[in-house]
């Protein structure tokens, strides 16, 4: 697949859908874990205003790479 096809939302729709699905599942995981886990709650607090699922998805989308907090 050439550069044009990779940038095309029609040609690349399968990959885009997979990425959106994976991001959605990760966001759901973070939201659920944040209720009981301090590390997840801290991530939500640092990356979102209100901790909504849509904000978590947006933060994941905007993040270039996963961030890990130093321990």
C-alpha atoms as a PDB file:
ATOM      1  CA  UNK A   1       0.000   0.000   0.000  1.00  0.00           C
ATOM      2  CA  UNK A   2       1.457   3.383  -1.005  1.00  0.00           C
ATOM      3  CA  UNK A   3       1.535   6.630   0.946  1.00  0.00           C
ATOM      4  CA  UNK A   4      -1.660   7.891  -0.690  1.00  0.00           C
ATOM      5  CA  UNK A   5      -3.584   4.764   0.279  1.00  0.00           C
ATOM      6  CA  UNK A   6      -2.274   4.932   3.853  1.00  0.00           C
ATOM      7  CA  UNK A   7      -3.605   8.491   4.212  1.00  0.00           C
ATOM      8  CA  UNK A   8      -6.936   7.724   2.521  1.00  0.00           C
ATOM      9  CA  UNK A   9      -9.755   7.099   5.051  1.00  0.00           C
ATOM     10  CA  UNK A  10     -11.494   4.756   2.591  1.00  0.00           C
ATOM     11  CA  UNK A  11      -8.496   2.569   1.690  1.00  0.00           C
ATOM     12  CA  UNK A  12      -7.228   2.530   5.236  1.00  0.00           C
ATOM     13  CA  UNK A  13     -10.620   2.201   6.936  1.00  0.00           C
ATOM     14  CA  UNK A  14      -9.956  -1.301   8.241  1.00  0.00           C
ATOM     15  CA  UNK A  15      -6.797  -0.238  10.090  1.00  0.00           C
ATOM     16  CA  UNK A  16      -8.496   2.910  11.345  1.00  0.00           C
ATOM     17  CA  UNK A  17     -11.437   0.905  12.680  1.00  0.00           C
ATOM     18  CA  UNK A  18      -9.082  -1.492  14.466  1.00  0.00           C
ATOM     19  CA  UNK A  19      -7.245   1.424  16.073  1.00  0.00           C
ATOM     20  CA  UNK A  20     -10.497   3.067  17.183  1.00  0.00           C
ATOM     21  CA  UNK A  21     -11.773  -0.208  18.651  1.00  0.00           C
ATOM     22  CA  UNK A  22      -8.513  -0.809  20.527  1.00  0.00           C
ATOM     23  CA  UNK A  23      -8.501   2.759  21.846  1.00  0.00           C
ATOM     24  CA  UNK A  24     -12.118   2.385  22.997  1.00  0.00           C
ATOM     25  CA  UNK A  25     -11.403  -0.864  24.844  1.00  0.00           C
ATOM     26  CA  UNK A  26      -8.339   0.670  26.505  1.00  0.00           C
ATOM     27  CA  UNK A  27     -10.367   3.721  27.547  1.00  0.00           C
ATOM     28  CA  UNK A  28     -13.027   1.474  29.089  1.00  0.00           C
ATOM     29  CA  UNK A  29     -10.308  -0.407  30.989  1.00  0.00           C
ATOM     30  CA  UNK A  30      -8.815   2.832  32.324  1.00  0.00           C
ATOM     31  CA  UNK A  31     -12.205   4.212  33.330  1.00  0.00           C
ATOM     32  CA  UNK A  32     -13.146   0.997  35.160  1.00  0.00           C
ATOM     33  CA  UNK A  33      -9.785   0.591  36.920  1.00  0.00           C
ATOM     34  CA  UNK A  34      -9.696   4.277  37.956  1.00  0.00           C
ATOM     35  CA  UNK A  35     -12.619   3.597  40.303  1.00  0.00           C
ATOM     36  CA  UNK A  36     -10.441   1.353  42.494  1.00  0.00           C
ATOM     37  CA  UNK A  37      -6.799   1.856  41.506  1.00  0.00           C
ATOM     38  CA  UNK A  38      -4.722   4.910  42.406  1.00  0.00           C
ATOM     39  CA  UNK A  39      -2.394   4.647  39.391  1.00  0.00           C
ATOM     40  CA  UNK A  40      -5.275   4.610  36.919  1.00  0.00           C
ATOM     41  CA  UNK A  41      -7.068   7.397  38.808  1.00  0.00           C
ATOM     42  CA  UNK A  42      -3.906   9.553  38.723  1.00  0.00           C
ATOM     43  CA  UNK A  43      -3.582   9.013  34.949  1.00  0.00           C
ATOM     44  CA  UNK A  44      -7.211  10.064  34.458  1.00  0.00           C
ATOM     45  CA  UNK A  45      -6.734  13.121  36.686  1.00  0.00           C
ATOM     46  CA  UNK A  46      -3.597  14.166  34.772  1.00  0.00           C
ATOM     47  CA  UNK A  47      -5.030  13.658  31.283  1.00  0.00           C
ATOM     48  CA  UNK A  48      -8.693  14.667  31.531  1.00  0.00           C
ATOM     49  CA  UNK A  49     -10.853  17.446  32.941  1.00  0.00           C
ATOM     50  CA  UNK A  50     -13.787  15.358  34.201  1.00  0.00           C
ATOM     51  CA  UNK A  51     -12.676  11.757  33.693  1.00  0.00           C
ATOM     52  CA  UNK A  52     -15.355  10.959  31.134  1.00  0.00           C
ATOM     53  CA  UNK A  53     -14.934   8.042  28.771  1.00  0.00           C
ATOM     54  CA  UNK A  54     -14.829  10.391  25.771  1.00  0.00           C
ATOM     55  CA  UNK A  55     -12.070  12.458  27.405  1.00  0.00           C
ATOM     56  CA  UNK A  56     -10.065   9.325  28.138  1.00  0.00           C
ATOM     57  CA  UNK A  57     -10.441   8.235  24.490  1.00  0.00           C
ATOM     58  CA  UNK A  58      -9.304  11.676  23.326  1.00  0.00           C
ATOM     59  CA  UNK A  59      -6.301  11.615  25.665  1.00  0.00           C
ATOM     60  CA  UNK A  60      -5.289   8.210  24.308  1.00  0.00           C
ATOM     61  CA  UNK A  61      -5.719   9.420  20.725  1.00  0.00           C
ATOM     62  CA  UNK A  62      -3.670  12.552  21.375  1.00  0.00           C
ATOM     63  CA  UNK A  63      -0.917  10.669  23.142  1.00  0.00           C
ATOM     64  CA  UNK A  64       1.928   9.670  20.816  1.00  0.00           C
ATOM     65  CA  UNK A  65       3.135   6.900  23.102  1.00  0.00           C
ATOM     66  CA  UNK A  66       2.081   5.377  26.387  1.00  0.00           C
ATOM     67  CA  UNK A  67       3.378   7.264  29.368  1.00  0.00           C
ATOM     68  CA  UNK A  68       4.495   5.476  32.444  1.00  0.00           C
ATOM     69  CA  UNK A  69       4.808   7.175  35.758  1.00  0.00           C
ATOM     70  CA  UNK A  70       8.176   6.836  37.492  1.00  0.00           C
ATOM     71  CA  UNK A  71       8.157   4.704  40.602  1.00  0.00           C
END
